[in-house]
Amino acid sequence: MDLHGARITWLGHGTFTFTTPAGKTILLDPWVQNNPAVPDDKKHLGKLDAVLITHGHGDHIGDVDAVVSESQPDQVIGIFEMAAWLGNKGIANAVGMNMGGTTDVAGIRVTMVRADHSCGILDGDTVLYGGQAAGYVLDFGNDLRVYVAGDTNVFGDMSIIGALYKPQIAILPIGDFYTMGPREAAYAARLLSVETIIPAHFGTFPVLTGTPSGLRQALESFGLTNVEVHALQPGQTAE
């Protein structure tokens, strides 16, 4: 797996940081301080250049206020309805976009793509509509493109994501129960035609039973023996 000077750190569950070759840092899904999978020495991230949000469930946005206050990102990006809710909560630099849109984020090109998942925001005792759940394609401009699926099941339009954006790396959930499991993730690799999968959203809670070894077995069952599974430990960086 060649990251061409970029770095990808799995903080745990669905939360990642991406460091660009120019040294900019982007956080995916601000569930950090209260995320049981994040190592203690990673719970305070310092300055961030941007935050990307895939959807409104608490295990993805649960620490958004604390992260924005502490890390002062220039942009907090999510789908339109999510950004409106964040703005109403006092996050002045929330940017709302929508499916198929592309924007510059900390010097890289970021495209929002669909995910097959729900997106309710628990606001007090009320569940609010948070717009559609999303994934992102990150184009680092150095022949590195990463597809971050967010929470999702496999869906047929992943083949369009693969054909249009040609990501070499896919960050896919494999935990099962709330997202796709290893078998569905392996089929997603076929649709996307990716070279490498970084597994996510597994192991945090007992109900998330999918494993990287299960993903490797599923890939083999589909004849995808050339797809690398690059499994990280929480807090570990690929570079």
C-alpha atoms as a PDB file:
ATOM      1  CA  MET A   1       0.000   0.000   0.000  1.00  0.00           C
ATOM      2  CA  ASP A   2       1.641   3.235  -1.189  1.00  0.00           C
ATOM      3  CA  LEU A   3       0.240   6.401   0.413  1.00  0.00           C
ATOM      4  CA  HIS A   4       2.531   8.743  -1.536  1.00  0.00           C
ATOM      5  CA  GLY A   5       3.457  10.784   1.533  1.00  0.00           C
ATOM      6  CA  ALA A   6       0.014  10.792   3.173  1.00  0.00           C
ATOM      7  CA  ARG A   7      -0.820   9.111   6.489  1.00  0.00           C
ATOM      8  CA  ILE A   8      -3.989   7.359   7.701  1.00  0.00           C
ATOM      9  CA  THR A   9      -4.539   6.799  11.420  1.00  0.00           C
ATOM     10  CA  TRP A  10      -7.363   4.654  12.761  1.00  0.00           C
ATOM     11  CA  LEU A  11      -8.320   6.127  16.116  1.00  0.00           C
ATOM     12  CA  GLY A  12     -10.922   3.401  16.681  1.00  0.00           C
ATOM     13  CA  HIS A  13     -14.443   2.432  15.591  1.00  0.00           C
ATOM     14  CA  GLY A  14     -15.317   4.677  12.611  1.00  0.00           C
ATOM     15  CA  THR A  15     -12.968   7.551  13.488  1.00  0.00           C
ATOM     16  CA  PHE A  16      -9.839   8.291  11.443  1.00  0.00           C
ATOM     17  CA  THR A  17      -7.394  11.080  10.806  1.00  0.00           C
ATOM     18  CA  PHE A  18      -5.844  11.741   7.406  1.00  0.00           C
ATOM     19  CA  THR A  19      -2.622  13.711   7.123  1.00  0.00           C
ATOM     20  CA  THR A  20      -1.911  15.117   3.680  1.00  0.00           C
ATOM     21  CA  PRO A  21       1.575  15.242   2.149  1.00  0.00           C
ATOM     22  CA  ALA A  22       1.499  18.999   2.904  1.00  0.00           C
ATOM     23  CA  GLY A  23       0.962  18.276   6.603  1.00  0.00           C
ATOM     24  CA  LYS A  24      -2.737  19.167   6.899  1.00  0.00           C
ATOM     25  CA  THR A  25      -4.867  16.994   9.199  1.00  0.00           C
ATOM     26  CA  ILE A  26      -8.486  16.002   8.573  1.00  0.00           C
ATOM     27  CA  LEU A  27     -10.581  14.133  11.136  1.00  0.00           C
ATOM     28  CA  LEU A  28     -13.325  11.763  10.032  1.00  0.00           C
ATOM     29  CA  ASP A  29     -16.237  11.503  12.502  1.00  0.00           C
ATOM     30  CA  PRO A  30     -15.602  13.311  15.806  1.00  0.00           C
ATOM     31  CA  TRP A  31     -16.213  10.556  18.349  1.00  0.00           C
ATOM     32  CA  VAL A  32     -12.939  10.766  20.210  1.00  0.00           C
ATOM     33  CA  GLN A  33     -12.959  11.603  23.924  1.00  0.00           C
ATOM     34  CA  ASN A  34     -15.831   9.222  24.749  1.00  0.00           C
ATOM     35  CA  ASN A  35     -14.906   6.554  22.217  1.00  0.00           C
ATOM     36  CA  PRO A  36     -13.801   3.492  24.225  1.00  0.00           C
ATOM     37  CA  ALA A  37     -11.634   2.257  21.355  1.00  0.00           C
ATOM     38  CA  VAL A  38      -9.473   5.398  21.156  1.00  0.00           C
ATOM     39  CA  PRO A  39      -6.204   5.087  23.113  1.00  0.00           C
ATOM     40  CA  ASP A  40      -5.839   7.603  25.919  1.00  0.00           C
ATOM     41  CA  ASP A  41      -2.896   9.326  24.232  1.00  0.00           C
ATOM     42  CA  LYS A  42      -5.006   9.971  21.110  1.00  0.00           C
ATOM     43  CA  LYS A  43      -8.074  11.501  22.759  1.00  0.00           C
ATOM     44  CA  HIS A  44      -6.770  15.059  22.351  1.00  0.00           C
ATOM     45  CA  LEU A  45      -5.747  15.715  18.778  1.00  0.00           C
ATOM     46  CA  GLY A  46      -4.362  19.239  18.770  1.00  0.00           C
ATOM     47  CA  LYS A  47      -5.055  21.536  15.845  1.00  0.00           C
ATOM     48  CA  LEU A  48      -7.170  20.119  13.018  1.00  0.00           C
ATOM     49  CA  ASP A  49      -7.606  21.648   9.586  1.00  0.00           C
ATOM     50  CA  ALA A  50     -11.017  20.092   8.869  1.00  0.00           C
ATOM     51  CA  VAL A  51     -13.606  17.635  10.147  1.00  0.00           C
ATOM     52  CA  LEU A  52     -15.697  15.374   7.909  1.00  0.00           C
ATOM     53  CA  ILE A  53     -18.919  13.867   9.249  1.00  0.00           C
ATOM     54  CA  THR A  54     -20.541  10.832   7.642  1.00  0.00           C
ATOM     55  CA  HIS A  55     -23.810  10.821   9.616  1.00  0.00           C
ATOM     56  CA  GLY A  56     -25.507  11.809  12.824  1.00  0.00           C
ATOM     57  CA  HIS A  57     -25.343   8.776  15.092  1.00  0.00           C
ATOM     58  CA  GLY A  58     -23.709   9.322  18.467  1.00  0.00           C
ATOM     59  CA  ASP A  59     -20.837   6.938  17.759  1.00  0.00           C
ATOM     60  CA  HIS A  60     -19.802   9.302  14.948  1.00  0.00           C
ATOM     61  CA  ILE A  61     -20.646  12.837  16.139  1.00  0.00           C
ATOM     62  CA  GLY A  62     -20.799  12.318  19.898  1.00  0.00           C
ATOM     63  CA  ASP A  63     -17.821  14.577  20.649  1.00  0.00           C
ATOM     64  CA  VAL A  64     -18.251  17.170  17.924  1.00  0.00           C
ATOM     65  CA  ASP A  65     -18.585  20.092  20.363  1.00  0.00           C
ATOM     66  CA  ALA A  66     -15.481  19.137  22.326  1.00  0.00           C
ATOM     67  CA  VAL A  67     -13.420  18.450  19.198  1.00  0.00           C
ATOM     68  CA  VAL A  68     -14.376  21.727  17.504  1.00  0.00           C
ATOM     69  CA  SER A  69     -13.708  23.712  20.683  1.00  0.00           C
ATOM     70  CA  GLU A  70     -10.347  22.080  21.296  1.00  0.00           C
ATOM     71  CA  SER A  71      -8.998  21.634  17.752  1.00  0.00           C
ATOM     72  CA  GLN A  72     -10.443  24.702  15.985  1.00  0.00           C
ATOM     73  CA  PRO A  73     -10.890  23.204  12.481  1.00  0.00           C
ATOM     74  CA  ASP A  74     -11.399  25.622   9.612  1.00  0.00           C
ATOM     75  CA  GLN A  75     -14.316  23.579   8.251  1.00  0.00           C
ATOM     76  CA  VAL A  76     -16.768  21.039   9.655  1.00  0.00           C
ATOM     77  CA  ILE A  77     -18.331  19.308   6.665  1.00  0.00           C
ATOM     78  CA  GLY A  78     -21.413  17.142   6.470  1.00  0.00           C
ATOM     79  CA  ILE A  79     -24.602  16.763   4.505  1.00  0.00           C
ATOM     80  CA  PHE A  80     -26.816  19.863   4.300  1.00  0.00           C
ATOM     81  CA  GLU A  81     -29.248  18.930   7.091  1.00  0.00           C
ATOM     82  CA  MET A  82     -26.425  17.904   9.394  1.00  0.00           C
ATOM     83  CA  ALA A  83     -24.588  21.184   8.831  1.00  0.00           C
ATOM     84  CA  ALA A  84     -27.777  23.158   9.531  1.00  0.00           C
ATOM     85  CA  TRP A  85     -28.216  21.327  12.841  1.00  0.00           C
ATOM     86  CA  LEU A  86     -24.572  21.932  13.764  1.00  0.00           C
ATOM     87  CA  GLY A  87     -24.957  25.613  12.917  1.00  0.00           C
ATOM     88  CA  ASN A  88     -27.984  25.855  15.170  1.00  0.00           C
ATOM     89  CA  LYS A  89     -25.859  24.310  17.927  1.00  0.00           C
ATOM     90  CA  GLY A  90     -23.296  27.098  17.598  1.00  0.00           C
ATOM     91  CA  ILE A  91     -20.733  25.609  15.198  1.00  0.00           C
ATOM     92  CA  ALA A  92     -20.309  28.613  12.919  1.00  0.00           C
ATOM     93  CA  ASN A  93     -17.997  26.989  10.349  1.00  0.00           C
ATOM     94  CA  ALA A  94     -20.269  24.043   9.483  1.00  0.00           C
ATOM     95  CA  VAL A  95     -20.427  23.495   5.719  1.00  0.00           C
ATOM     96  CA  GLY A  96     -23.357  21.600   4.212  1.00  0.00           C
ATOM     97  CA  MET A  97     -22.908  19.773   0.907  1.00  0.00           C
ATOM     98  CA  ASN A  98     -24.702  16.907  -0.806  1.00  0.00           C
ATOM     99  CA  MET A  99     -24.276  13.752  -2.856  1.00  0.00           C
ATOM    100  CA  GLY A 100     -21.941  14.084  -5.820  1.00  0.00           C
ATOM    101  CA  GLY A 101     -20.604  17.436  -4.674  1.00  0.00           C
ATOM    102  CA  THR A 102     -16.852  18.019  -4.584  1.00  0.00           C
ATOM    103  CA  THR A 103     -14.995  20.676  -2.614  1.00  0.00           C
ATOM    104  CA  ASP A 104     -11.473  21.569  -1.570  1.00  0.00           C
ATOM    105  CA  VAL A 105     -10.736  20.507   2.003  1.00  0.00           C
ATOM    106  CA  ALA A 106      -7.299  21.316   3.439  1.00  0.00           C
ATOM    107  CA  GLY A 107      -5.764  21.123  -0.030  1.00  0.00           C
ATOM    108  CA  ILE A 108      -7.337  17.859  -1.206  1.00  0.00           C
ATOM    109  CA  ARG A 109     -10.463  17.202  -3.252  1.00  0.00           C
ATOM    110  CA  VAL A 110     -13.318  15.665  -1.282  1.00  0.00           C
ATOM    111  CA  THR A 111     -16.425  14.220  -2.947  1.00  0.00           C
ATOM    112  CA  MET A 112     -19.505  13.229  -0.972  1.00  0.00           C
ATOM    113  CA  VAL A 113     -21.066   9.922  -2.045  1.00  0.00           C
ATOM    114  CA  ARG A 114     -24.051   7.971  -0.773  1.00  0.00           C
ATOM    115  CA  ALA A 115     -24.134   5.347   1.955  1.00  0.00           C
ATOM    116  CA  ASP A 116     -26.844   2.808   2.731  1.00  0.00           C
ATOM    117  CA  HIS A 117     -27.545   3.591   6.379  1.00  0.00           C
ATOM    118  CA  SER A 118     -29.866   5.612   8.622  1.00  0.00           C
ATOM    119  CA  CYS A 119     -29.038   9.083   9.956  1.00  0.00           C
ATOM    120  CA  GLY A 120     -31.068  10.061  12.995  1.00  0.00           C
ATOM    121  CA  ILE A 121     -29.597  12.637  15.382  1.00  0.00           C
ATOM    122  CA  LEU A 122     -30.389  12.040  19.040  1.00  0.00           C
ATOM    123  CA  ASP A 123     -31.025  15.576  20.320  1.00  0.00           C
ATOM    124  CA  GLY A 124     -32.066  15.292  23.953  1.00  0.00           C
ATOM    125  CA  ASP A 125     -35.043  12.929  23.998  1.00  0.00           C
ATOM    126  CA  THR A 126     -35.841  13.522  20.316  1.00  0.00           C
ATOM    127  CA  VAL A 127     -34.500  11.799  17.212  1.00  0.00           C
ATOM    128  CA  LEU A 128     -34.137  14.369  14.431  1.00  0.00           C
ATOM    129  CA  TYR A 129     -33.710  13.786  10.706  1.00  0.00           C
ATOM    130  CA  GLY A 130     -30.042  14.302   9.913  1.00  0.00           C
ATOM    131  CA  GLY A 131     -30.097  14.049   6.139  1.00  0.00           C
ATOM    132  CA  GLN A 132     -28.801  11.004   4.297  1.00  0.00           C
ATOM    133  CA  ALA A 133     -25.815   9.071   5.594  1.00  0.00           C
ATOM    134  CA  ALA A 134     -22.753   9.640   3.411  1.00  0.00           C
ATOM    135  CA  GLY A 135     -19.321   8.417   2.471  1.00  0.00           C
ATOM    136  CA  TYR A 136     -16.434  10.382   0.939  1.00  0.00           C
ATOM    137  CA  VAL A 137     -13.815   9.984  -1.764  1.00  0.00           C
ATOM    138  CA  LEU A 138     -10.582  11.755  -0.850  1.00  0.00           C
ATOM    139  CA  ASP A 139      -8.355  12.677  -3.801  1.00  0.00           C
ATOM    140  CA  PHE A 140      -4.952  13.638  -2.448  1.00  0.00           C
ATOM    141  CA  GLY A 141      -3.775  14.840  -5.865  1.00  0.00           C
ATOM    142  CA  ASN A 142      -0.679  12.626  -5.796  1.00  0.00           C
ATOM    143  CA  ASP A 143      -2.151   9.515  -7.416  1.00  0.00           C
ATOM    144  CA  LEU A 144      -3.771   8.527  -4.127  1.00  0.00           C
ATOM    145  CA  ARG A 145      -7.547   8.223  -3.839  1.00  0.00           C
ATOM    146  CA  VAL A 146      -9.234   6.817  -0.738  1.00  0.00           C
ATOM    147  CA  TYR A 147     -12.904   5.850  -0.506  1.00  0.00           C
ATOM    148  CA  VAL A 148     -14.278   6.174   3.021  1.00  0.00           C
ATOM    149  CA  ALA A 149     -17.576   4.314   3.036  1.00  0.00           C
ATOM    150  CA  GLY A 150     -18.828   5.414   6.453  1.00  0.00           C
ATOM    151  CA  ASP A 151     -21.497   3.198   7.985  1.00  0.00           C
ATOM    152  CA  THR A 152     -23.143   1.287   5.154  1.00  0.00           C
ATOM    153  CA  ASN A 153     -24.274  -1.959   3.671  1.00  0.00           C
ATOM    154  CA  VAL A 154     -22.923  -2.963   0.286  1.00  0.00           C
ATOM    155  CA  PHE A 155     -24.922  -1.418  -2.568  1.00  0.00           C
ATOM    156  CA  GLY A 156     -24.714  -1.739  -6.329  1.00  0.00           C
ATOM    157  CA  ASP A 157     -23.678   1.856  -6.978  1.00  0.00           C
ATOM    158  CA  MET A 158     -20.326   1.123  -5.377  1.00  0.00           C
ATOM    159  CA  SER A 159     -19.411   0.011  -8.888  1.00  0.00           C
ATOM    160  CA  ILE A 160     -20.067   3.593 -10.050  1.00  0.00           C
ATOM    161  CA  ILE A 161     -17.866   4.953  -7.256  1.00  0.00           C
ATOM    162  CA  GLY A 162     -15.126   2.599  -8.405  1.00  0.00           C
ATOM    163  CA  ALA A 163     -15.506   3.492 -12.083  1.00  0.00           C
ATOM    164  CA  LEU A 164     -15.761   7.264 -11.596  1.00  0.00           C
ATOM    165  CA  TYR A 165     -13.217   7.922  -8.875  1.00  0.00           C
ATOM    166  CA  LYS A 166     -10.936   4.878  -9.080  1.00  0.00           C
ATOM    167  CA  PRO A 167      -9.931   4.674  -5.413  1.00  0.00           C
ATOM    168  CA  GLN A 168      -7.010   2.400  -4.654  1.00  0.00           C
ATOM    169  CA  ILE A 169      -7.922   2.115  -0.964  1.00  0.00           C
ATOM    170  CA  ALA A 170     -11.339   1.588   0.612  1.00  0.00           C
ATOM    171  CA  ILE A 171     -12.050   2.062   4.306  1.00  0.00           C
ATOM    172  CA  LEU A 172     -14.992  -0.278   4.866  1.00  0.00           C
ATOM    173  CA  PRO A 173     -17.011  -1.204   7.962  1.00  0.00           C
ATOM    174  CA  ILE A 174     -16.931  -4.918   8.702  1.00  0.00           C
ATOM    175  CA  GLY A 175     -18.487  -5.231  12.162  1.00  0.00           C
ATOM    176  CA  ASP A 176     -21.926  -6.538  11.087  1.00  0.00           C
ATOM    177  CA  PHE A 177     -25.226  -5.856  12.935  1.00  0.00           C
ATOM    178  CA  TYR A 178     -25.215  -2.052  12.380  1.00  0.00           C
ATOM    179  CA  THR A 179     -23.280  -2.159   9.100  1.00  0.00           C
ATOM    180  CA  MET A 180     -22.197  -4.749   6.579  1.00  0.00           C
ATOM    181  CA  GLY A 181     -20.091  -7.643   7.770  1.00  0.00           C
ATOM    182  CA  PRO A 182     -17.034  -9.281   6.196  1.00  0.00           C
ATOM    183  CA  ARG A 183     -18.928 -11.074   3.396  1.00  0.00           C
ATOM    184  CA  GLU A 184     -20.661  -7.909   2.231  1.00  0.00           C
ATOM    185  CA  ALA A 185     -17.423  -5.922   2.534  1.00  0.00           C
ATOM    186  CA  ALA A 186     -15.635  -8.469   0.355  1.00  0.00           C
ATOM    187  CA  TYR A 187     -18.346  -8.106  -2.279  1.00  0.00           C
ATOM    188  CA  ALA A 188     -17.961  -4.318  -2.008  1.00  0.00           C
ATOM    189  CA  ALA A 189     -14.268  -4.759  -2.840  1.00  0.00           C
ATOM    190  CA  ARG A 190     -15.297  -6.563  -6.019  1.00  0.00           C
ATOM    191  CA  LEU A 191     -17.643  -3.715  -7.011  1.00  0.00           C
ATOM    192  CA  LEU A 192     -15.057  -1.033  -6.212  1.00  0.00           C
ATOM    193  CA  SER A 193     -12.057  -2.810  -7.799  1.00  0.00           C
ATOM    194  CA  VAL A 194      -9.820  -1.571  -4.994  1.00  0.00           C
ATOM    195  CA  GLU A 195      -6.338  -2.834  -4.203  1.00  0.00           C
ATOM    196  CA  THR A 196      -6.499  -2.434  -0.412  1.00  0.00           C
ATOM    197  CA  ILE A 197      -9.143  -2.485   2.308  1.00  0.00           C
ATOM    198  CA  ILE A 198      -8.654  -0.877   5.706  1.00  0.00           C
ATOM    199  CA  PRO A 199     -11.323  -2.423   7.975  1.00  0.00           C
ATOM    200  CA  ALA A 200     -13.310  -0.200  10.374  1.00  0.00           C
ATOM    201  CA  HIS A 201     -16.296  -0.221  12.728  1.00  0.00           C
ATOM    202  CA  PHE A 202     -15.506  -3.564  14.332  1.00  0.00           C
ATOM    203  CA  GLY A 203     -14.508  -4.794  17.767  1.00  0.00           C
ATOM    204  CA  THR A 204     -15.732  -1.759  19.713  1.00  0.00           C
ATOM    205  CA  PHE A 205     -18.720  -3.569  21.214  1.00  0.00           C
ATOM    206  CA  PRO A 206     -19.502  -7.311  21.547  1.00  0.00           C
ATOM    207  CA  VAL A 207     -22.295  -7.081  18.972  1.00  0.00           C
ATOM    208  CA  LEU A 208     -19.761  -6.064  16.285  1.00  0.00           C
ATOM    209  CA  THR A 209     -18.521  -9.548  15.507  1.00  0.00           C
ATOM    210  CA  GLY A 210     -16.866  -9.084  12.105  1.00  0.00           C
ATOM    211  CA  THR A 211     -13.081  -9.445  11.989  1.00  0.00           C
ATOM    212  CA  PRO A 212     -10.253  -8.784   9.530  1.00  0.00           C
ATOM    213  CA  SER A 213      -9.581 -12.521   9.340  1.00  0.00           C
ATOM    214  CA  GLY A 214     -13.222 -13.074   8.413  1.00  0.00           C
ATOM    215  CA  LEU A 215     -12.828 -10.449   5.697  1.00  0.00           C
ATOM    216  CA  ARG A 216      -9.756 -12.209   4.311  1.00  0.00           C
ATOM    217  CA  GLN A 217     -11.663 -15.493   4.200  1.00  0.00           C
ATOM    218  CA  ALA A 218     -14.588 -13.831   2.419  1.00  0.00           C
ATOM    219  CA  LEU A 219     -12.286 -12.231  -0.135  1.00  0.00           C
ATOM    220  CA  GLU A 220     -10.741 -15.618  -0.809  1.00  0.00           C
ATOM    221  CA  SER A 221     -14.189 -17.155  -1.263  1.00  0.00           C
ATOM    222  CA  PHE A 222     -14.899 -14.574  -3.984  1.00  0.00           C
ATOM    223  CA  GLY A 223     -11.532 -15.227  -5.642  1.00  0.00           C
ATOM    224  CA  LEU A 224     -10.210 -11.779  -4.666  1.00  0.00           C
ATOM    225  CA  THR A 225      -6.848 -13.026  -3.436  1.00  0.00           C
ATOM    226  CA  ASN A 226      -5.079  -9.930  -4.811  1.00  0.00           C
ATOM    227  CA  VAL A 227      -6.908  -7.534  -2.434  1.00  0.00           C
ATOM    228  CA  GLU A 228      -4.801  -6.604   0.601  1.00  0.00           C
ATOM    229  CA  VAL A 229      -6.471  -6.298   4.010  1.00  0.00           C
ATOM    230  CA  HIS A 230      -4.440  -3.713   5.892  1.00  0.00           C
ATOM    231  CA  ALA A 231      -5.806  -4.067   9.424  1.00  0.00           C
ATOM    232  CA  LEU A 232      -4.773  -1.362  11.876  1.00  0.00           C
ATOM    233  CA  GLN A 233      -4.956  -1.321  15.649  1.00  0.00           C
ATOM    234  CA  PRO A 234      -6.674   1.679  17.296  1.00  0.00           C
ATOM    235  CA  GLY A 235      -4.150   4.499  17.327  1.00  0.00           C
ATOM    236  CA  GLN A 236      -1.971   2.918  14.629  1.00  0.00           C
ATOM    237  CA  THR A 237      -0.901   4.841  11.538  1.00  0.00           C
ATOM    238  CA  ALA A 238      -0.389   3.618   7.980  1.00  0.00           C
ATOM    239  CA  GLU A 239       2.172   5.674   6.094  1.00  0.00           C
END
